[in-house]
């Protein structure tokens, strides 16, 4: 099982570790497994980290373009292409380097998505989150409407948009620090957990000090909601018994 380091420190962008497995996919493409990783794998509504893995001995460099967690083995698999004719060898020490701009953007988007969910709860809206998408191209939160009398008119949706946006920006301006808590899974209601979390002994919760109801999450987040920066709700749209809240965190 790969030891995960990014869950303790979103801003840990370089780390030296040992290369455990190297699989050649084609003459230039390889998949590698390391003992410890700072790369966030794609999943949980968050895109893959990108960056490079470099040999400390030979200087061989692999440009990482996709990272995935193998749920069956617990190994994090890093895929990419070699920059030159040099190769990576099993057992050698390598330095991991995560691309800083994309890591920070993903953390901002993920934390903003959590704030939207907290705002839905704080405002008492009859919505149950069903899906989160924190990719830069079109981040959004999708929810099921649990009240048949919910106002889905343009005026009603516009009102919800303003209320959520105002509350999220209020929290951002207040500067709530992010909290990370590990809890025993056996003491929890499994209905709140993902399939992966249900198979874990410990579950990681992300919260923001002063805002109720931390949420189970394995992703990367800002240290303080101030770091989310600019934030707005692009659109709130309804379809059937669901609504989609699209948002943005421009640079």
Foldseek 3Di string as FASTA:
>chain_A
DAAEDCLVPLPPFKDKWFWADWADPDQWKIKTFTNYDNWDADDPQFHTWWFWKAFPPPRWIWTFDHWHADLVVRTIITMGTIPDNDDDDHGGMIMGGTDPVSSLLLQLLVVLQVLLVLLCVVVVAQWAWDDFHSDQVWTKTKTFRPDPPQDQDPVSFVVSQVSSFVVLVVQLVVKFFKDKDKDALVVDDCVLDDPSQNPDRIFIWIDTPPRDDTHTDDGHHDRISVSSADKGWPGWHDDDRMIMTIMHRDD
